[in-house]
Amino acid sequence: MSDYLIKALAFDGKVRAYAITTTVMINEAVRRQKTWATASAALGRAMTASTMMGAMLKGDSKLTVKIEGGGPIGAIIVDANAMGETRGYVTNPSVHFELNAQGKLDVARAVGTSGYLSVVKDLGMRDNFTGSVPLVSGELGEDFTYYFASSEQTPSSVGVGVLVNPDETIAASGGFIIQMLPGADDAVIDEVERRLSTLPPISKLIEAGMPPEEMLAAIVGDDNLKILEKMGVQFSCPCSKERISNALISLGKDELKDMIETDGGAETRCHFCNEEYHFSKEDLTELLEQTSQ
């Protein structure tokens, strides 16, 4: 089944809610990145949360999330837009550890906790919006929760989970974001917190076949939920040979001449989708001619 996201309100507009399945998306990212299990869980959690954040945007707006915790996985970079299209990668995909004390993949150890979670939003204006917060746990759900509270002043609860199969494929991936809006009183907050405290792990719910609608109903109560929109989400990378060609042209004549004379060609790989692009000596000569026009 294809991945999708649900946007909703609850408690008469006092709570904004998102829930998502990303199993197909994260399987595609893992396949392309060739990540090991713990790295897959970290990448999957980051992409899941970022996709929901992208869905909060409008029109052609997009965002980039960067997580640098000082751990062996290195930086995690995720791009997402308002149309449910997401791509992401980890600097060091070959990271895996034994399960932690809770019997789960040790994402915090892979990510590290001495760093920052940064978000850059491109809203189509002259200046981008940038927010950055220290990592609080490295488990990422708590870190995104802290980001919303600290950088966007929106009390939120972010839950993300990724279940990895023994063969390194993704068995289940998804998550939710619950946000308190102005007007949310103590009774509403207490009810949501009570329900969240009894909620099983997100990855287990998705593995059992629970769709996003039911996930939100479990968190806020079916009678309190008003679904606004359902949208598909997917792994998507807009890279192409034409885009790479333009990037090479932008390097200038001297750099292109050096590639032709020294290397006799060029080869580049997209960090996000791992596609390779080859440029022969003839290809580079054509690009050099374009710089002269």
C-alpha atoms as a PDB file:
ATOM      1  CA  MET A   1       0.000   0.000   0.000  1.00  0.00           C
ATOM      2  CA  SER A   2       1.254   3.496  -0.811  1.00  0.00           C
ATOM      3  CA  ASP A   3       2.330   5.864   1.929  1.00  0.00           C
ATOM      4  CA  TYR A   4       0.094   8.762   2.871  1.00  0.00           C
ATOM      5  CA  LEU A   5      -0.401  11.530   5.398  1.00  0.00           C
ATOM      6  CA  ILE A   6      -3.486  12.769   7.220  1.00  0.00           C
ATOM      7  CA  LYS A   7      -4.008  16.394   8.297  1.00  0.00           C
ATOM      8  CA  ALA A   8      -6.618  16.919  10.977  1.00  0.00           C
ATOM      9  CA  LEU A   9      -7.967  19.119  13.761  1.00  0.00           C
ATOM     10  CA  ALA A  10      -9.224  17.907  17.128  1.00  0.00           C
ATOM     11  CA  PHE A  11     -11.078  19.184  20.152  1.00  0.00           C
ATOM     12  CA  ASP A  12     -12.985  21.830  18.177  1.00  0.00           C
ATOM     13  CA  GLY A  13      -9.891  23.288  16.535  1.00  0.00           C
ATOM     14  CA  LYS A  14      -7.775  23.454  19.681  1.00  0.00           C
ATOM     15  CA  VAL A  15      -5.382  20.742  18.475  1.00  0.00           C
ATOM     16  CA  ARG A  16      -3.684  20.304  15.097  1.00  0.00           C
ATOM     17  CA  ALA A  17      -2.721  16.754  14.197  1.00  0.00           C
ATOM     18  CA  TYR A  18      -0.734  14.914  11.537  1.00  0.00           C
ATOM     19  CA  ALA A  19      -0.136  11.197  11.095  1.00  0.00           C
ATOM     20  CA  ILE A  20       1.771   9.388   8.373  1.00  0.00           C
ATOM     21  CA  THR A  21       2.953   6.068   7.033  1.00  0.00           C
ATOM     22  CA  THR A  22       6.365   6.135   5.329  1.00  0.00           C
ATOM     23  CA  THR A  23       7.239   2.449   4.945  1.00  0.00           C
ATOM     24  CA  VAL A  24       7.519   2.573   1.141  1.00  0.00           C
ATOM     25  CA  MET A  25       9.386   5.888   1.210  1.00  0.00           C
ATOM     26  CA  ILE A  26      11.978   4.739   3.730  1.00  0.00           C
ATOM     27  CA  ASN A  27      12.450   1.401   1.964  1.00  0.00           C
ATOM     28  CA  GLU A  28      13.326   3.358  -1.175  1.00  0.00           C
ATOM     29  CA  ALA A  29      15.750   5.618   0.706  1.00  0.00           C
ATOM     30  CA  VAL A  30      17.394   2.631   2.422  1.00  0.00           C
ATOM     31  CA  ARG A  31      17.702   0.766  -0.870  1.00  0.00           C
ATOM     32  CA  ARG A  32      19.415   3.716  -2.508  1.00  0.00           C
ATOM     33  CA  GLN A  33      21.615   4.610   0.461  1.00  0.00           C
ATOM     34  CA  LYS A  34      22.478   0.999   1.373  1.00  0.00           C
ATOM     35  CA  THR A  35      22.174   1.897   5.047  1.00  0.00           C
ATOM     36  CA  TRP A  36      22.731  -0.571   7.863  1.00  0.00           C
ATOM     37  CA  ALA A  37      19.922  -1.132  10.372  1.00  0.00           C
ATOM     38  CA  THR A  38      20.657   1.585  12.957  1.00  0.00           C
ATOM     39  CA  ALA A  39      21.452   4.131  10.271  1.00  0.00           C
ATOM     40  CA  SER A  40      18.208   3.154   8.507  1.00  0.00           C
ATOM     41  CA  ALA A  41      16.201   3.797  11.672  1.00  0.00           C
ATOM     42  CA  ALA A  42      17.811   7.218  12.144  1.00  0.00           C
ATOM     43  CA  LEU A  43      17.284   8.224   8.514  1.00  0.00           C
ATOM     44  CA  GLY A  44      13.717   6.928   8.567  1.00  0.00           C
ATOM     45  CA  ARG A  45      12.790   8.846  11.700  1.00  0.00           C
ATOM     46  CA  ALA A  46      14.288  12.063  10.332  1.00  0.00           C
ATOM     47  CA  MET A  47      12.564  11.709   6.942  1.00  0.00           C
ATOM     48  CA  THR A  48       9.227  10.857   8.557  1.00  0.00           C
ATOM     49  CA  ALA A  49       9.223  13.924  10.804  1.00  0.00           C
ATOM     50  CA  SER A  50      10.502  16.161   7.998  1.00  0.00           C
ATOM     51  CA  THR A  51       7.773  14.983   5.630  1.00  0.00           C
ATOM     52  CA  MET A  52       5.095  15.978   8.142  1.00  0.00           C
ATOM     53  CA  MET A  53       6.811  19.349   8.607  1.00  0.00           C
ATOM     54  CA  GLY A  54       6.861  19.827   4.833  1.00  0.00           C
ATOM     55  CA  ALA A  55       3.123  19.163   4.743  1.00  0.00           C
ATOM     56  CA  MET A  56       2.635  22.155   7.046  1.00  0.00           C
ATOM     57  CA  LEU A  57       3.915  24.432   4.263  1.00  0.00           C
ATOM     58  CA  LYS A  58       1.948  25.922   1.359  1.00  0.00           C
ATOM     59  CA  GLY A  59       2.387  26.023  -2.426  1.00  0.00           C
ATOM     60  CA  ASP A  60       5.961  25.627  -3.651  1.00  0.00           C
ATOM     61  CA  SER A  61       7.529  26.081  -0.212  1.00  0.00           C
ATOM     62  CA  LYS A  62      10.145  23.587   0.949  1.00  0.00           C
ATOM     63  CA  LEU A  63      12.474  22.951   3.841  1.00  0.00           C
ATOM     64  CA  THR A  64      15.777  21.329   4.686  1.00  0.00           C
ATOM     65  CA  VAL A  65      16.429  19.593   7.997  1.00  0.00           C
ATOM     66  CA  LYS A  66      20.000  19.024   9.131  1.00  0.00           C
ATOM     67  CA  ILE A  67      20.859  16.920  12.174  1.00  0.00           C
ATOM     68  CA  GLU A  68      24.434  16.906  13.424  1.00  0.00           C
ATOM     69  CA  GLY A  69      24.834  15.189  16.761  1.00  0.00           C
ATOM     70  CA  GLY A  70      28.503  14.279  16.700  1.00  0.00           C
ATOM     71  CA  GLY A  71      27.780  10.546  16.453  1.00  0.00           C
ATOM     72  CA  PRO A  72      29.314   8.044  14.016  1.00  0.00           C
ATOM     73  CA  ILE A  73      26.452   8.408  11.551  1.00  0.00           C
ATOM     74  CA  GLY A  74      27.591  11.950  10.770  1.00  0.00           C
ATOM     75  CA  ALA A  75      25.089  14.485   9.471  1.00  0.00           C
ATOM     76  CA  ILE A  76      21.554  13.575   8.400  1.00  0.00           C
ATOM     77  CA  ILE A  77      20.181  15.831   5.654  1.00  0.00           C
ATOM     78  CA  VAL A  78      16.518  15.786   4.577  1.00  0.00           C
ATOM     79  CA  ASP A  79      14.692  17.892   1.970  1.00  0.00           C
ATOM     80  CA  ALA A  80      10.881  17.982   2.011  1.00  0.00           C
ATOM     81  CA  ASN A  81       8.212  20.099   0.343  1.00  0.00           C
ATOM     82  CA  ALA A  82       4.522  20.917   0.673  1.00  0.00           C
ATOM     83  CA  MET A  83       3.567  18.257  -1.891  1.00  0.00           C
ATOM     84  CA  GLY A  84       4.697  15.252   0.132  1.00  0.00           C
ATOM     85  CA  GLU A  85       7.979  14.782  -1.734  1.00  0.00           C
ATOM     86  CA  THR A  86      10.996  13.950   0.434  1.00  0.00           C
ATOM     87  CA  ARG A  87      14.584  12.860   0.013  1.00  0.00           C
ATOM     88  CA  GLY A  88      17.326  12.291   2.575  1.00  0.00           C
ATOM     89  CA  TYR A  89      20.721  10.792   3.283  1.00  0.00           C
ATOM     90  CA  VAL A  90      23.158  10.074   6.088  1.00  0.00           C
ATOM     91  CA  THR A  91      26.851  10.873   5.800  1.00  0.00           C
ATOM     92  CA  ASN A  92      27.945   7.433   7.025  1.00  0.00           C
ATOM     93  CA  PRO A  93      25.372   4.770   6.092  1.00  0.00           C
ATOM     94  CA  SER A  94      27.403   1.823   7.428  1.00  0.00           C
ATOM     95  CA  VAL A  95      26.506   2.242  11.105  1.00  0.00           C
ATOM     96  CA  HIS A  96      24.882  -0.404  13.303  1.00  0.00           C
ATOM     97  CA  PHE A  97      25.027  -1.326  16.996  1.00  0.00           C
ATOM     98  CA  GLU A  98      23.564  -3.911  19.325  1.00  0.00           C
ATOM     99  CA  LEU A  99      20.087  -3.115  20.655  1.00  0.00           C
ATOM    100  CA  ASN A 100      19.933  -0.645  23.528  1.00  0.00           C
ATOM    101  CA  ALA A 101      18.709  -1.331  27.073  1.00  0.00           C
ATOM    102  CA  GLN A 102      15.091  -0.993  25.902  1.00  0.00           C
ATOM    103  CA  GLY A 103      15.627  -3.626  23.214  1.00  0.00           C
ATOM    104  CA  LYS A 104      15.460  -1.051  20.409  1.00  0.00           C
ATOM    105  CA  LEU A 105      17.871   0.095  17.722  1.00  0.00           C
ATOM    106  CA  ASP A 106      20.334   2.496  19.361  1.00  0.00           C
ATOM    107  CA  VAL A 107      19.571   5.571  17.269  1.00  0.00           C
ATOM    108  CA  ALA A 108      20.825   7.975  19.949  1.00  0.00           C
ATOM    109  CA  ARG A 109      24.246   6.345  19.911  1.00  0.00           C
ATOM    110  CA  ALA A 110      24.403   6.584  16.117  1.00  0.00           C
ATOM    111  CA  VAL A 111      23.222  10.207  15.948  1.00  0.00           C
ATOM    112  CA  GLY A 112      24.953  11.526  19.065  1.00  0.00           C
ATOM    113  CA  THR A 113      23.640  14.156  21.452  1.00  0.00           C
ATOM    114  CA  SER A 114      26.255  16.923  21.305  1.00  0.00           C
ATOM    115  CA  GLY A 115      24.982  18.896  18.369  1.00  0.00           C
ATOM    116  CA  TYR A 116      22.026  20.604  16.738  1.00  0.00           C
ATOM    117  CA  LEU A 117      18.844  20.086  14.781  1.00  0.00           C
ATOM    118  CA  SER A 118      18.455  22.877  12.228  1.00  0.00           C
ATOM    119  CA  VAL A 119      15.570  23.695   9.908  1.00  0.00           C
ATOM    120  CA  VAL A 120      15.752  26.050   6.924  1.00  0.00           C
ATOM    121  CA  LYS A 121      12.410  26.924   5.328  1.00  0.00           C
ATOM    122  CA  ASP A 122      12.282  28.355   1.812  1.00  0.00           C
ATOM    123  CA  LEU A 123       8.907  30.091   1.690  1.00  0.00           C
ATOM    124  CA  GLY A 124       9.556  31.861  -1.597  1.00  0.00           C
ATOM    125  CA  MET A 125      10.480  35.120   0.095  1.00  0.00           C
ATOM    126  CA  ARG A 126      13.707  37.097  -0.030  1.00  0.00           C
ATOM    127  CA  ASP A 127      15.052  35.548   3.170  1.00  0.00           C
ATOM    128  CA  ASN A 128      14.671  31.970   4.376  1.00  0.00           C
ATOM    129  CA  PHE A 129      13.423  31.142   7.858  1.00  0.00           C
ATOM    130  CA  THR A 130      16.075  29.356   9.913  1.00  0.00           C
ATOM    131  CA  GLY A 131      15.673  27.701  13.293  1.00  0.00           C
ATOM    132  CA  SER A 132      18.184  25.658  15.272  1.00  0.00           C
ATOM    133  CA  VAL A 133      18.025  23.888  18.636  1.00  0.00           C
ATOM    134  CA  PRO A 134      20.422  21.672  20.605  1.00  0.00           C
ATOM    135  CA  LEU A 135      19.700  17.955  20.443  1.00  0.00           C
ATOM    136  CA  VAL A 136      18.128  16.752  23.674  1.00  0.00           C
ATOM    137  CA  SER A 137      18.197  12.980  23.238  1.00  0.00           C
ATOM    138  CA  GLY A 138      19.398  11.913  19.778  1.00  0.00           C
ATOM    139  CA  GLU A 139      16.315   9.683  19.494  1.00  0.00           C
ATOM    140  CA  LEU A 140      14.900  12.361  17.136  1.00  0.00           C
ATOM    141  CA  GLY A 141      11.238  12.251  18.172  1.00  0.00           C
ATOM    142  CA  GLU A 142      12.063  14.162  21.352  1.00  0.00           C
ATOM    143  CA  ASP A 143      14.424  16.408  19.396  1.00  0.00           C
ATOM    144  CA  PHE A 144      11.737  17.461  16.911  1.00  0.00           C
ATOM    145  CA  THR A 145       9.354  17.969  19.844  1.00  0.00           C
ATOM    146  CA  TYR A 146      11.890  20.335  21.421  1.00  0.00           C
ATOM    147  CA  TYR A 147      12.398  22.122  18.107  1.00  0.00           C
ATOM    148  CA  PHE A 148       8.690  22.996  17.819  1.00  0.00           C
ATOM    149  CA  ALA A 149       8.473  24.172  21.434  1.00  0.00           C
ATOM    150  CA  SER A 150      11.684  26.199  21.379  1.00  0.00           C
ATOM    151  CA  SER A 151      12.049  27.496  17.817  1.00  0.00           C
ATOM    152  CA  GLU A 152       8.406  27.814  16.740  1.00  0.00           C
ATOM    153  CA  GLN A 153       6.816  28.287  20.182  1.00  0.00           C
ATOM    154  CA  THR A 154       4.263  25.561  19.466  1.00  0.00           C
ATOM    155  CA  PRO A 155       3.792  22.949  22.222  1.00  0.00           C
ATOM    156  CA  SER A 156       3.936  19.657  20.334  1.00  0.00           C
ATOM    157  CA  SER A 157       4.412  15.939  20.660  1.00  0.00           C
ATOM    158  CA  VAL A 158       6.326  14.182  17.871  1.00  0.00           C
ATOM    159  CA  GLY A 159       6.376  10.393  17.603  1.00  0.00           C
ATOM    160  CA  VAL A 160       8.365   8.605  14.904  1.00  0.00           C
ATOM    161  CA  GLY A 161       9.217   4.936  14.578  1.00  0.00           C
ATOM    162  CA  VAL A 162      11.006   2.628  12.148  1.00  0.00           C
ATOM    163  CA  LEU A 163      11.009  -1.161  12.349  1.00  0.00           C
ATOM    164  CA  VAL A 164      13.844  -2.829  10.408  1.00  0.00           C
ATOM    165  CA  ASN A 165      13.648  -6.421   9.142  1.00  0.00           C
ATOM    166  CA  PRO A 166      16.528  -8.899   9.621  1.00  0.00           C
ATOM    167  CA  ASP A 167      17.290  -8.531   5.890  1.00  0.00           C
ATOM    168  CA  GLU A 168      17.747  -4.731   6.361  1.00  0.00           C
ATOM    169  CA  THR A 169      14.473  -3.810   4.609  1.00  0.00           C
ATOM    170  CA  ILE A 170      11.894  -1.685   6.413  1.00  0.00           C
ATOM    171  CA  ALA A 171       8.973  -3.539   7.975  1.00  0.00           C
ATOM    172  CA  ALA A 172       7.138  -0.430   9.153  1.00  0.00           C
ATOM    173  CA  SER A 173       7.740   3.309   9.360  1.00  0.00           C
ATOM    174  CA  GLY A 174       5.598   6.274  10.277  1.00  0.00           C
ATOM    175  CA  GLY A 175       4.733   8.801  12.924  1.00  0.00           C
ATOM    176  CA  PHE A 176       2.575  11.632  14.203  1.00  0.00           C
ATOM    177  CA  ILE A 177       2.765  15.278  15.252  1.00  0.00           C
ATOM    178  CA  ILE A 178       0.225  16.652  17.731  1.00  0.00           C
ATOM    179  CA  GLN A 179       0.252  20.424  18.307  1.00  0.00           C
ATOM    180  CA  MET A 180      -1.596  22.515  20.855  1.00  0.00           C
ATOM    181  CA  LEU A 181      -3.137  25.649  19.359  1.00  0.00           C
ATOM    182  CA  PRO A 182      -4.236  28.807  21.172  1.00  0.00           C
ATOM    183  CA  GLY A 183      -7.326  27.930  23.191  1.00  0.00           C
ATOM    184  CA  ALA A 184      -6.177  24.458  24.215  1.00  0.00           C
ATOM    185  CA  ASP A 185      -6.984  24.311  27.948  1.00  0.00           C
ATOM    186  CA  ASP A 186      -5.602  22.057  30.653  1.00  0.00           C
ATOM    187  CA  ALA A 187      -8.386  19.512  30.183  1.00  0.00           C
ATOM    188  CA  VAL A 188      -7.500  19.036  26.510  1.00  0.00           C
ATOM    189  CA  ILE A 189      -3.774  18.848  27.216  1.00  0.00           C
ATOM    190  CA  ASP A 190      -4.302  16.328  30.030  1.00  0.00           C
ATOM    191  CA  GLU A 191      -6.498  14.119  27.841  1.00  0.00           C
ATOM    192  CA  VAL A 192      -3.981  14.049  24.973  1.00  0.00           C
ATOM    193  CA  GLU A 193      -1.094  13.367  27.370  1.00  0.00           C
ATOM    194  CA  ARG A 194      -3.069  10.530  28.990  1.00  0.00           C
ATOM    195  CA  ARG A 195      -3.743   8.893  25.644  1.00  0.00           C
ATOM    196  CA  LEU A 196      -0.137   9.320  24.474  1.00  0.00           C
ATOM    197  CA  SER A 197       1.158   7.667  27.652  1.00  0.00           C
ATOM    198  CA  THR A 198      -0.711   4.456  26.827  1.00  0.00           C
ATOM    199  CA  LEU A 199       0.040   4.423  23.082  1.00  0.00           C
ATOM    200  CA  PRO A 200       2.131   1.443  21.901  1.00  0.00           C
ATOM    201  CA  PRO A 201       5.287   2.113  19.827  1.00  0.00           C
ATOM    202  CA  ILE A 202       4.364   3.735  16.514  1.00  0.00           C
ATOM    203  CA  SER A 203       6.281   1.204  14.422  1.00  0.00           C
ATOM    204  CA  LYS A 204       4.326  -1.621  16.086  1.00  0.00           C
ATOM    205  CA  LEU A 205       1.003   0.057  15.285  1.00  0.00           C
ATOM    206  CA  ILE A 206       1.967   0.456  11.633  1.00  0.00           C
ATOM    207  CA  GLU A 207       3.293  -3.105  11.445  1.00  0.00           C
ATOM    208  CA  ALA A 208      -0.081  -4.264  12.749  1.00  0.00           C
ATOM    209  CA  GLY A 209      -1.765  -2.401   9.896  1.00  0.00           C
ATOM    210  CA  MET A 210      -3.089   0.662  11.721  1.00  0.00           C
ATOM    211  CA  PRO A 211      -3.643   3.475   9.193  1.00  0.00           C
ATOM    212  CA  PRO A 212      -2.910   7.140  10.028  1.00  0.00           C
ATOM    213  CA  GLU A 213      -6.596   7.920  10.605  1.00  0.00           C
ATOM    214  CA  GLU A 214      -6.849   5.287  13.336  1.00  0.00           C
ATOM    215  CA  MET A 215      -3.532   6.396  14.796  1.00  0.00           C
ATOM    216  CA  LEU A 216      -4.904   9.898  15.314  1.00  0.00           C
ATOM    217  CA  ALA A 217      -8.186   8.550  16.657  1.00  0.00           C
ATOM    218  CA  ALA A 218      -6.214   6.602  19.264  1.00  0.00           C
ATOM    219  CA  ILE A 219      -4.394   9.774  20.320  1.00  0.00           C
ATOM    220  CA  VAL A 220      -7.242  12.305  20.451  1.00  0.00           C
ATOM    221  CA  GLY A 221     -10.362  10.134  20.470  1.00  0.00           C
ATOM    222  CA  ASP A 222     -12.525   9.326  17.474  1.00  0.00           C
ATOM    223  CA  ASP A 223     -15.295  11.721  18.513  1.00  0.00           C
ATOM    224  CA  ASN A 224     -12.858  14.621  18.783  1.00  0.00           C
ATOM    225  CA  LEU A 225     -11.207  14.144  15.378  1.00  0.00           C
ATOM    226  CA  LYS A 226     -11.951  16.151  12.228  1.00  0.00           C
ATOM    227  CA  ILE A 227      -9.940  14.998   9.199  1.00  0.00           C
ATOM    228  CA  LEU A 228      -9.080  17.834   6.800  1.00  0.00           C
ATOM    229  CA  GLU A 229      -6.946  16.263   4.088  1.00  0.00           C
ATOM    230  CA  LYS A 230      -5.311  13.054   2.912  1.00  0.00           C
ATOM    231  CA  MET A 231      -2.218  13.339   0.727  1.00  0.00           C
ATOM    232  CA  GLY A 232       0.214  10.857  -0.759  1.00  0.00           C
ATOM    233  CA  VAL A 233       3.893  11.044   0.207  1.00  0.00           C
ATOM    234  CA  GLN A 234       6.905   9.588  -1.557  1.00  0.00           C
ATOM    235  CA  PHE A 235      10.668   9.542  -1.917  1.00  0.00           C
ATOM    236  CA  SER A 236      11.485  11.982  -4.698  1.00  0.00           C
ATOM    237  CA  CYS A 237      14.784  13.388  -5.951  1.00  0.00           C
ATOM    238  CA  PRO A 238      14.726  16.026  -8.719  1.00  0.00           C
ATOM    239  CA  CYS A 239      18.343  15.495  -9.751  1.00  0.00           C
ATOM    240  CA  SER A 240      19.060  14.900 -13.457  1.00  0.00           C
ATOM    241  CA  LYS A 241      21.967  15.010 -15.897  1.00  0.00           C
ATOM    242  CA  GLU A 242      20.731  18.410 -17.063  1.00  0.00           C
ATOM    243  CA  ARG A 243      20.886  19.794 -13.512  1.00  0.00           C
ATOM    244  CA  ILE A 244      24.372  18.373 -13.020  1.00  0.00           C
ATOM    245  CA  SER A 245      25.402  19.840 -16.377  1.00  0.00           C
ATOM    246  CA  ASN A 246      24.276  23.273 -15.264  1.00  0.00           C
ATOM    247  CA  ALA A 247      26.236  22.849 -12.049  1.00  0.00           C
ATOM    248  CA  LEU A 248      29.373  21.953 -14.032  1.00  0.00           C
ATOM    249  CA  ILE A 249      28.903  24.962 -16.301  1.00  0.00           C
ATOM    250  CA  SER A 250      28.683  27.173 -13.225  1.00  0.00           C
ATOM    251  CA  LEU A 251      32.182  26.040 -12.214  1.00  0.00           C
ATOM    252  CA  GLY A 252      33.582  28.115 -15.069  1.00  0.00           C
ATOM    253  CA  LYS A 253      35.855  27.603 -18.079  1.00  0.00           C
ATOM    254  CA  ASP A 254      39.096  26.977 -16.200  1.00  0.00           C
ATOM    255  CA  GLU A 255      37.628  24.194 -14.079  1.00  0.00           C
ATOM    256  CA  LEU A 256      36.032  22.518 -17.101  1.00  0.00           C
ATOM    257  CA  LYS A 257      39.283  22.736 -19.076  1.00  0.00           C
ATOM    258  CA  ASP A 258      41.142  21.112 -16.197  1.00  0.00           C
ATOM    259  CA  MET A 259      38.632  18.248 -16.102  1.00  0.00           C
ATOM    260  CA  ILE A 260      39.027  17.717 -19.847  1.00  0.00           C
ATOM    261  CA  GLU A 261      42.823  17.901 -19.903  1.00  0.00           C
ATOM    262  CA  THR A 262      43.616  16.198 -16.594  1.00  0.00           C
ATOM    263  CA  ASP A 263      40.818  13.661 -16.127  1.00  0.00           C
ATOM    264  CA  GLY A 264      39.420  13.260 -19.627  1.00  0.00           C
ATOM    265  CA  GLY A 265      35.907  13.300 -18.213  1.00  0.00           C
ATOM    266  CA  ALA A 266      33.937  13.606 -14.996  1.00  0.00           C
ATOM    267  CA  GLU A 267      31.804  11.441 -12.753  1.00  0.00           C
ATOM    268  CA  THR A 268      29.474  12.613 -10.012  1.00  0.00           C
ATOM    269  CA  ARG A 269      26.988  11.010  -7.690  1.00  0.00           C
ATOM    270  CA  CYS A 270      23.855  12.515  -6.092  1.00  0.00           C
ATOM    271  CA  HIS A 271      24.079  12.303  -2.296  1.00  0.00           C
ATOM    272  CA  PHE A 272      20.331  11.816  -1.959  1.00  0.00           C
ATOM    273  CA  CYS A 273      19.393   9.190  -4.550  1.00  0.00           C
ATOM    274  CA  ASN A 274      22.848   7.723  -5.225  1.00  0.00           C
ATOM    275  CA  GLU A 275      22.412   8.027  -9.004  1.00  0.00           C
ATOM    276  CA  GLU A 276      25.704   8.303 -10.891  1.00  0.00           C
ATOM    277  CA  TYR A 277      26.211  10.725 -13.768  1.00  0.00           C
ATOM    278  CA  HIS A 278      29.066  10.243 -16.240  1.00  0.00           C
ATOM    279  CA  PHE A 279      30.444  12.957 -18.497  1.00  0.00           C
ATOM    280  CA  SER A 280      32.840  12.005 -21.282  1.00  0.00           C
ATOM    281  CA  LYS A 281      35.516  14.296 -22.665  1.00  0.00           C
ATOM    282  CA  GLU A 282      33.110  15.121 -25.487  1.00  0.00           C
ATOM    283  CA  ASP A 283      30.328  15.937 -23.008  1.00  0.00           C
ATOM    284  CA  LEU A 284      32.586  18.327 -21.116  1.00  0.00           C
ATOM    285  CA  THR A 285      33.745  19.952 -24.349  1.00  0.00           C
ATOM    286  CA  GLU A 286      30.112  20.685 -25.225  1.00  0.00           C
ATOM    287  CA  LEU A 287      29.591  22.223 -21.804  1.00  0.00           C
ATOM    288  CA  LEU A 288      32.765  24.300 -22.251  1.00  0.00           C
ATOM    289  CA  GLU A 289      31.389  25.610 -25.543  1.00  0.00           C
ATOM    290  CA  GLN A 290      28.184  26.651 -23.761  1.00  0.00           C
ATOM    291  CA  THR A 291      30.178  28.737 -21.304  1.00  0.00           C
ATOM    292  CA  SER A 292      31.607  30.648 -24.280  1.00  0.00           C
ATOM    293  CA  GLN A 293      28.230  31.584 -25.709  1.00  0.00           C
END
